Amino acid sequence: MKVLLDADVLLDVALDREPFADESSKVVEWCQKQPLSGVVAWHTVSNVYYVLRSARSDAQARKFVQDMLRFAAVVSAGSDAVHRALSLTISDFEDALQVAAAMAADARLIITRNVRDYRNSAVPPCTPHEFLPRVEAS
């Protein structure tokens, strides 16, 4: 199963944000054990880098991005994906870009803590808390 990882889940891991870091880390571990299962939108890379650089340092931000590329492929999204995002009935454009990236990657779920942001999403949202029992049972 392919899943798109939202920036909040990645930042939970990178910044060890409690109480979310444990479950988000388990999602990352699942992606590490399931080759080609985790993807991130191309714009998520810059968002994660920027937040980490601001919170920690340039070196730590670059290291996390390098590590992230070991467990998640970057979805390349061109003009078609941006057009698709613009046509979606999702009020936040960045969230619409996430959905368009998930669709381009044929992801089955968007793993996020902000499920309400994806109410109208063609790719269903799922929290790490909801996701882990699904994959542990299979």
N, C-alpha and C. Protein backbone atom coordinates (compact mmCIF):
# COMPACT_ATOMS: atom_id res chain seq x y z
N MET A 1 0.84 -1.17 0.00
CA MET A 1 0.00 0.00 0.00
C MET A 1 0.89 1.24 0.00
N LYS A 2 0.61 2.15 -0.91
CA LYS A 2 1.38 3.39 -0.99
C LYS A 2 0.64 4.49 -0.22
N VAL A 3 1.39 5.25 0.59
CA VAL A 3 0.81 6.33 1.38
C VAL A 3 1.62 7.60 1.20
N LEU A 4 0.92 8.73 1.20
CA LEU A 4 1.59 10.02 1.16
C LEU A 4 1.71 10.53 2.58
N LEU A 5 2.91 10.91 2.97
CA LEU A 5 3.18 11.42 4.31
C LEU A 5 3.07 12.94 4.31
N ASP A 6 2.19 13.45 5.14
CA ASP A 6 2.02 14.90 5.26
C ASP A 6 3.17 15.47 6.09
N ALA A 7 3.44 16.74 5.90
CA ALA A 7 4.56 17.38 6.59
C ALA A 7 4.44 17.30 8.11
N ASP A 8 3.22 17.36 8.63
CA ASP A 8 3.09 17.33 10.09
C ASP A 8 3.62 16.04 10.69
N VAL A 9 3.41 14.93 10.00
CA VAL A 9 3.90 13.63 10.47
C VAL A 9 5.43 13.60 10.44
N LEU A 10 6.00 14.11 9.37
CA LEU A 10 7.46 14.14 9.25
C LEU A 10 8.08 15.06 10.31
N LEU A 11 7.45 16.18 10.55
CA LEU A 11 7.97 17.12 11.55
C LEU A 11 7.81 16.58 12.97
N ASP A 12 6.78 15.78 13.20
CA ASP A 12 6.65 15.12 14.51
C ASP A 12 7.90 14.30 14.79
N VAL A 13 8.36 13.59 13.76
CA VAL A 13 9.54 12.73 13.90
C VAL A 13 10.80 13.59 14.03
N ALA A 14 10.97 14.51 13.12
CA ALA A 14 12.20 15.31 13.09
C ALA A 14 12.39 16.17 14.33
N LEU A 15 11.29 16.68 14.87
CA LEU A 15 11.37 17.57 16.03
C LEU A 15 11.01 16.87 17.33
N ASP A 16 10.76 15.59 17.24
CA ASP A 16 10.39 14.78 18.41
C ASP A 16 9.24 15.45 19.18
N ARG A 17 8.20 15.82 18.42
CA ARG A 17 7.06 16.52 19.02
C ARG A 17 6.16 15.54 19.76
N GLU A 18 6.01 15.80 21.03
CA GLU A 18 5.13 14.98 21.87
C GLU A 18 3.74 15.61 21.90
N PRO A 19 2.72 14.80 21.95
CA PRO A 19 2.70 13.35 22.15
C PRO A 19 2.65 12.56 20.84
N PHE A 20 3.02 13.19 19.73
CA PHE A 20 2.81 12.59 18.41
C PHE A 20 4.00 11.82 17.86
N ALA A 21 5.18 12.06 18.37
CA ALA A 21 6.41 11.52 17.79
C ALA A 21 6.43 10.00 17.73
N ASP A 22 5.92 9.33 18.74
CA ASP A 22 5.99 7.87 18.78
C ASP A 22 5.21 7.24 17.63
N GLU A 23 3.95 7.63 17.47
CA GLU A 23 3.14 7.03 16.39
C GLU A 23 3.66 7.45 15.02
N SER A 24 4.05 8.70 14.87
CA SER A 24 4.59 9.15 13.58
C SER A 24 5.88 8.40 13.25
N SER A 25 6.72 8.15 14.26
CA SER A 25 7.95 7.38 14.04
C SER A 25 7.63 5.96 13.60
N LYS A 26 6.58 5.38 14.16
CA LYS A 26 6.19 4.02 13.75
C LYS A 26 5.70 3.99 12.31
N VAL A 27 5.06 5.06 11.86
CA VAL A 27 4.65 5.14 10.45
C VAL A 27 5.91 5.18 9.57
N VAL A 28 6.89 5.98 9.96
CA VAL A 28 8.15 6.05 9.21
C VAL A 28 8.83 4.68 9.20
N GLU A 29 8.86 4.01 10.33
CA GLU A 29 9.46 2.66 10.40
C GLU A 29 8.74 1.71 9.46
N TRP A 30 7.42 1.80 9.39
CA TRP A 30 6.65 0.96 8.47
C TRP A 30 7.09 1.25 7.03
N CYS A 31 7.24 2.52 6.69
CA CYS A 31 7.68 2.90 5.34
C CYS A 31 9.08 2.35 5.04
N GLN A 32 9.95 2.35 6.05
CA GLN A 32 11.30 1.82 5.86
C GLN A 32 11.28 0.32 5.57
N LYS A 33 10.34 -0.39 6.15
CA LYS A 33 10.25 -1.84 5.97
C LYS A 33 9.47 -2.24 4.73
N GLN A 34 8.74 -1.31 4.16
CA GLN A 34 7.92 -1.55 2.97
C GLN A 34 8.46 -0.70 1.83
N PRO A 35 9.41 -1.21 1.07
CA PRO A 35 9.99 -0.40 0.00
C PRO A 35 8.92 0.17 -0.94
N LEU A 36 9.11 1.39 -1.32
CA LEU A 36 8.25 2.11 -2.26
C LEU A 36 6.85 2.37 -1.72
N SER A 37 6.67 2.29 -0.41
CA SER A 37 5.34 2.50 0.16
C SER A 37 5.10 3.95 0.59
N GLY A 38 6.14 4.65 0.96
CA GLY A 38 6.00 6.03 1.43
C GLY A 38 6.39 7.02 0.36
N VAL A 39 5.57 8.06 0.20
CA VAL A 39 5.87 9.14 -0.74
C VAL A 39 5.61 10.47 -0.05
N VAL A 40 6.28 11.49 -0.54
CA VAL A 40 6.04 12.86 -0.09
C VAL A 40 5.89 13.74 -1.33
N ALA A 41 5.08 14.77 -1.20
CA ALA A 41 4.93 15.74 -2.28
C ALA A 41 6.21 16.56 -2.39
N TRP A 42 6.53 17.00 -3.59
CA TRP A 42 7.77 17.73 -3.80
C TRP A 42 7.83 18.98 -2.93
N HIS A 43 6.71 19.68 -2.75
CA HIS A 43 6.73 20.91 -1.95
C HIS A 43 6.87 20.62 -0.46
N THR A 44 6.56 19.40 -0.04
CA THR A 44 6.74 19.02 1.37
C THR A 44 8.22 19.05 1.74
N VAL A 45 9.07 18.71 0.80
CA VAL A 45 10.51 18.70 1.06
C VAL A 45 10.97 20.09 1.49
N SER A 46 10.58 21.11 0.76
CA SER A 46 11.01 22.47 1.11
C SER A 46 10.34 22.95 2.39
N ASN A 47 9.08 22.58 2.60
CA ASN A 47 8.39 22.98 3.83
C ASN A 47 9.06 22.38 5.06
N VAL A 48 9.36 21.09 5.00
CA VAL A 48 10.02 20.41 6.12
C VAL A 48 11.40 21.01 6.35
N TYR A 49 12.15 21.21 5.27
CA TYR A 49 13.48 21.81 5.40
C TYR A 49 13.40 23.18 6.08
N TYR A 50 12.49 24.02 5.62
CA TYR A 50 12.38 25.38 6.16
C TYR A 50 12.06 25.36 7.66
N VAL A 51 11.10 24.55 8.07
CA VAL A 51 10.72 24.49 9.49
C VAL A 51 11.89 23.97 10.32
N LEU A 52 12.54 22.91 9.83
CA LEU A 52 13.67 22.34 10.58
C LEU A 52 14.85 23.31 10.66
N ARG A 53 15.13 23.99 9.58
CA ARG A 53 16.23 24.97 9.60
C ARG A 53 15.93 26.07 10.62
N SER A 54 14.68 26.51 10.66
CA SER A 54 14.30 27.56 11.61
C SER A 54 14.34 27.07 13.05
N ALA A 55 13.92 25.82 13.27
CA ALA A 55 13.85 25.28 14.63
C ALA A 55 15.18 24.73 15.12
N ARG A 56 16.00 24.25 14.20
CA ARG A 56 17.26 23.60 14.59
C ARG A 56 18.43 24.25 13.87
N SER A 57 18.82 23.70 12.73
CA SER A 57 19.95 24.26 11.97
C SER A 57 19.87 23.78 10.53
N ASP A 58 20.63 24.46 9.68
CA ASP A 58 20.68 24.06 8.28
C ASP A 58 21.20 22.62 8.15
N ALA A 59 22.24 22.29 8.90
CA ALA A 59 22.83 20.95 8.82
C ALA A 59 21.82 19.88 9.24
N GLN A 60 21.09 20.12 10.32
CA GLN A 60 20.11 19.13 10.77
C GLN A 60 18.95 19.01 9.78
N ALA A 61 18.55 20.13 9.19
CA ALA A 61 17.48 20.10 8.20
C ALA A 61 17.91 19.29 6.97
N ARG A 62 19.11 19.55 6.50
CA ARG A 62 19.61 18.81 5.33
C ARG A 62 19.76 17.31 5.64
N LYS A 63 20.23 16.99 6.83
CA LYS A 63 20.37 15.57 7.21
C LYS A 63 19.01 14.88 7.25
N PHE A 64 18.00 15.54 7.82
CA PHE A 64 16.68 14.92 7.87
C PHE A 64 16.14 14.69 6.46
N VAL A 65 16.30 15.67 5.58
CA VAL A 65 15.83 15.50 4.20
C VAL A 65 16.55 14.33 3.54
N GLN A 66 17.86 14.22 3.73
CA GLN A 66 18.60 13.08 3.17
C GLN A 66 18.08 11.77 3.73
N ASP A 67 17.85 11.72 5.03
CA ASP A 67 17.31 10.50 5.66
C ASP A 67 15.91 10.20 5.15
N MET A 68 15.10 11.24 4.97
CA MET A 68 13.73 11.07 4.49
C MET A 68 13.71 10.40 3.11
N LEU A 69 14.68 10.72 2.29
CA LEU A 69 14.73 10.14 0.94
C LEU A 69 15.01 8.65 0.97
N ARG A 70 15.42 8.12 2.12
CA ARG A 70 15.65 6.68 2.25
C ARG A 70 14.35 5.92 2.49
N PHE A 71 13.32 6.60 3.00
CA PHE A 71 12.07 5.90 3.29
C PHE A 71 10.87 6.46 2.53
N ALA A 72 11.07 7.54 1.78
CA ALA A 72 9.96 8.12 1.03
C ALA A 72 10.45 8.68 -0.30
N ALA A 73 9.77 8.30 -1.35
CA ALA A 73 10.07 8.85 -2.67
C ALA A 73 9.36 10.20 -2.81
N VAL A 74 9.97 11.08 -3.56
CA VAL A 74 9.37 12.39 -3.81
C VAL A 74 8.51 12.30 -5.06
N VAL A 75 7.26 12.70 -4.92
CA VAL A 75 6.34 12.71 -6.05
C VAL A 75 6.61 13.95 -6.87
N SER A 76 7.02 13.76 -8.10
CA SER A 76 7.21 14.89 -9.00
C SER A 76 5.84 15.31 -9.53
N ALA A 77 5.55 16.56 -9.38
CA ALA A 77 4.26 17.06 -9.82
C ALA A 77 4.48 18.22 -10.77
N GLY A 78 3.99 18.08 -11.96
CA GLY A 78 4.13 19.13 -12.95
C GLY A 78 2.86 19.94 -13.08
N SER A 79 2.71 20.56 -14.22
CA SER A 79 1.57 21.44 -14.47
C SER A 79 0.24 20.73 -14.32
N ASP A 80 0.16 19.48 -14.77
CA ASP A 80 -1.11 18.74 -14.66
C ASP A 80 -1.55 18.60 -13.21
N ALA A 81 -0.61 18.30 -12.33
CA ALA A 81 -0.96 18.15 -10.92
C ALA A 81 -1.39 19.49 -10.32
N VAL A 82 -0.75 20.57 -10.71
CA VAL A 82 -1.14 21.88 -10.20
C VAL A 82 -2.53 22.25 -10.72
N HIS A 83 -2.80 21.98 -11.99
CA HIS A 83 -4.15 22.21 -12.53
C HIS A 83 -5.18 21.38 -11.77
N ARG A 84 -4.83 20.14 -11.48
CA ARG A 84 -5.74 19.27 -10.72
C ARG A 84 -5.99 19.87 -9.34
N ALA A 85 -4.93 20.32 -8.68
CA ALA A 85 -5.08 20.92 -7.35
C ALA A 85 -5.99 22.14 -7.40
N LEU A 86 -5.84 22.95 -8.43
CA LEU A 86 -6.68 24.14 -8.57
C LEU A 86 -8.15 23.79 -8.76
N SER A 87 -8.41 22.63 -9.34
CA SER A 87 -9.80 22.24 -9.61
C SER A 87 -10.47 21.53 -8.43
N LEU A 88 -9.71 21.18 -7.41
CA LEU A 88 -10.27 20.45 -6.28
C LEU A 88 -11.08 21.38 -5.38
N THR A 89 -12.06 20.80 -4.69
CA THR A 89 -12.89 21.58 -3.77
C THR A 89 -12.31 21.55 -2.36
N ILE A 90 -11.04 21.89 -2.28
CA ILE A 90 -10.33 21.96 -1.00
C ILE A 90 -9.88 23.40 -0.84
N SER A 91 -10.28 24.02 0.25
CA SER A 91 -10.07 25.46 0.40
C SER A 91 -8.60 25.85 0.54
N ASP A 92 -7.80 25.04 1.19
CA ASP A 92 -6.39 25.36 1.38
C ASP A 92 -5.59 24.81 0.20
N PHE A 93 -4.94 25.71 -0.54
CA PHE A 93 -4.25 25.29 -1.76
C PHE A 93 -3.12 24.31 -1.48
N GLU A 94 -2.40 24.50 -0.40
CA GLU A 94 -1.31 23.56 -0.08
C GLU A 94 -1.87 22.15 0.15
N ASP A 95 -3.01 22.06 0.83
CA ASP A 95 -3.65 20.76 1.02
C ASP A 95 -4.09 20.17 -0.31
N ALA A 96 -4.59 21.03 -1.20
CA ALA A 96 -4.99 20.57 -2.53
C ALA A 96 -3.78 20.04 -3.30
N LEU A 97 -2.63 20.69 -3.14
CA LEU A 97 -1.41 20.18 -3.78
C LEU A 97 -1.04 18.81 -3.21
N GLN A 98 -1.23 18.61 -1.91
CA GLN A 98 -0.96 17.31 -1.30
C GLN A 98 -1.85 16.24 -1.93
N VAL A 99 -3.13 16.55 -2.08
CA VAL A 99 -4.06 15.59 -2.67
C VAL A 99 -3.67 15.29 -4.11
N ALA A 100 -3.34 16.32 -4.87
CA ALA A 100 -2.93 16.11 -6.26
C ALA A 100 -1.67 15.25 -6.34
N ALA A 101 -0.74 15.46 -5.43
CA ALA A 101 0.47 14.63 -5.39
C ALA A 101 0.13 13.19 -5.03
N ALA A 102 -0.76 13.01 -4.07
CA ALA A 102 -1.18 11.66 -3.69
C ALA A 102 -1.85 10.95 -4.86
N MET A 103 -2.67 11.68 -5.59
CA MET A 103 -3.33 11.10 -6.77
C MET A 103 -2.31 10.74 -7.84
N ALA A 104 -1.34 11.62 -8.07
CA ALA A 104 -0.30 11.35 -9.08
C ALA A 104 0.52 10.12 -8.72
N ALA A 105 0.69 9.87 -7.43
CA ALA A 105 1.49 8.73 -6.97
C ALA A 105 0.66 7.46 -6.79
N ASP A 106 -0.65 7.57 -7.03
CA ASP A 106 -1.57 6.44 -6.76
C ASP A 106 -1.51 6.00 -5.30
N ALA A 107 -1.36 6.97 -4.40
CA ALA A 107 -1.37 6.67 -2.98
C ALA A 107 -2.79 6.33 -2.54
N ARG A 108 -2.92 5.40 -1.63
CA ARG A 108 -4.24 5.00 -1.12
C ARG A 108 -4.68 5.83 0.06
N LEU A 109 -3.72 6.43 0.77
CA LEU A 109 -4.04 7.23 1.95
C LEU A 109 -3.09 8.42 2.06
N ILE A 110 -3.56 9.46 2.73
CA ILE A 110 -2.70 10.57 3.15
C ILE A 110 -2.58 10.44 4.66
N ILE A 111 -1.36 10.21 5.13
CA ILE A 111 -1.13 10.09 6.57
C ILE A 111 -0.87 11.48 7.13
N THR A 112 -1.78 11.93 7.98
CA THR A 112 -1.74 13.29 8.50
C THR A 112 -2.43 13.33 9.86
N ARG A 113 -2.06 14.30 10.66
CA ARG A 113 -2.82 14.53 11.89
C ARG A 113 -3.97 15.50 11.65
N ASN A 114 -3.99 16.14 10.51
CA ASN A 114 -5.01 17.14 10.20
C ASN A 114 -6.05 16.59 9.23
N VAL A 115 -6.76 15.56 9.64
CA VAL A 115 -7.71 14.91 8.73
C VAL A 115 -8.82 15.85 8.28
N ARG A 116 -9.22 16.80 9.11
CA ARG A 116 -10.31 17.70 8.70
C ARG A 116 -9.91 18.57 7.51
N ASP A 117 -8.61 18.79 7.31
CA ASP A 117 -8.16 19.56 6.16
C ASP A 117 -8.41 18.83 4.85
N TYR A 118 -8.65 17.53 4.93
CA TYR A 118 -8.80 16.71 3.72
C TYR A 118 -10.20 16.12 3.61
N ARG A 119 -11.21 16.82 4.16
CA ARG A 119 -12.59 16.33 4.13
C ARG A 119 -13.07 15.99 2.73
N ASN A 120 -12.74 16.80 1.75
CA ASN A 120 -13.22 16.60 0.38
C ASN A 120 -12.19 15.92 -0.51
N SER A 121 -11.25 15.24 0.08
CA SER A 121 -10.14 14.65 -0.67
C SER A 121 -10.55 13.37 -1.39
N ALA A 122 -10.05 13.23 -2.61
CA ALA A 122 -10.23 11.99 -3.37
C ALA A 122 -9.38 10.87 -2.79
N VAL A 123 -8.34 11.22 -2.07
CA VAL A 123 -7.49 10.25 -1.37
C VAL A 123 -7.78 10.42 0.11
N PRO A 124 -8.30 9.38 0.77
CA PRO A 124 -8.72 9.54 2.16
C PRO A 124 -7.56 9.85 3.11
N PRO A 125 -7.82 10.73 4.08
CA PRO A 125 -6.83 11.00 5.11
C PRO A 125 -6.92 9.97 6.22
N CYS A 126 -5.83 9.81 6.92
CA CYS A 126 -5.77 8.84 8.02
C CYS A 126 -4.70 9.32 9.00
N THR A 127 -5.02 9.32 10.28
CA THR A 127 -4.02 9.71 11.27
C THR A 127 -3.04 8.55 11.48
N PRO A 128 -1.86 8.83 11.99
CA PRO A 128 -0.96 7.73 12.35
C PRO A 128 -1.63 6.75 13.32
N HIS A 129 -2.41 7.28 14.26
CA HIS A 129 -3.11 6.45 15.24
C HIS A 129 -4.08 5.48 14.57
N GLU A 130 -4.77 5.93 13.52
CA GLU A 130 -5.70 5.07 12.78
C GLU A 130 -4.97 4.12 11.84
N PHE A 131 -3.85 4.58 11.29
CA PHE A 131 -3.12 3.81 10.29
C PHE A 131 -2.41 2.60 10.87
N LEU A 132 -1.78 2.77 12.01
CA LEU A 132 -0.94 1.70 12.56
C LEU A 132 -1.70 0.40 12.81
N PRO A 133 -2.89 0.39 13.39
CA PRO A 133 -3.61 -0.88 13.55
C PRO A 133 -3.95 -1.54 12.21
N ARG A 134 -4.19 -0.73 11.19
CA ARG A 134 -4.49 -1.28 9.85
C ARG A 134 -3.33 -2.11 9.33
N VAL A 135 -2.14 -1.57 9.43
CA VAL A 135 -0.98 -2.26 8.86
C VAL A 135 -0.44 -3.33 9.79
N GLU A 136 -0.66 -3.18 11.09
CA GLU A 136 -0.21 -4.21 12.02
C GLU A 136 -1.08 -5.45 11.92
N ALA A 137 -2.33 -5.28 11.50
CA ALA A 137 -3.25 -6.41 11.37
C ALA A 137 -3.02 -7.18 10.08
N SER A 138 -2.39 -6.55 9.11
CA SER A 138 -2.20 -7.23 7.81
C SER A 138 -0.89 -7.98 7.73
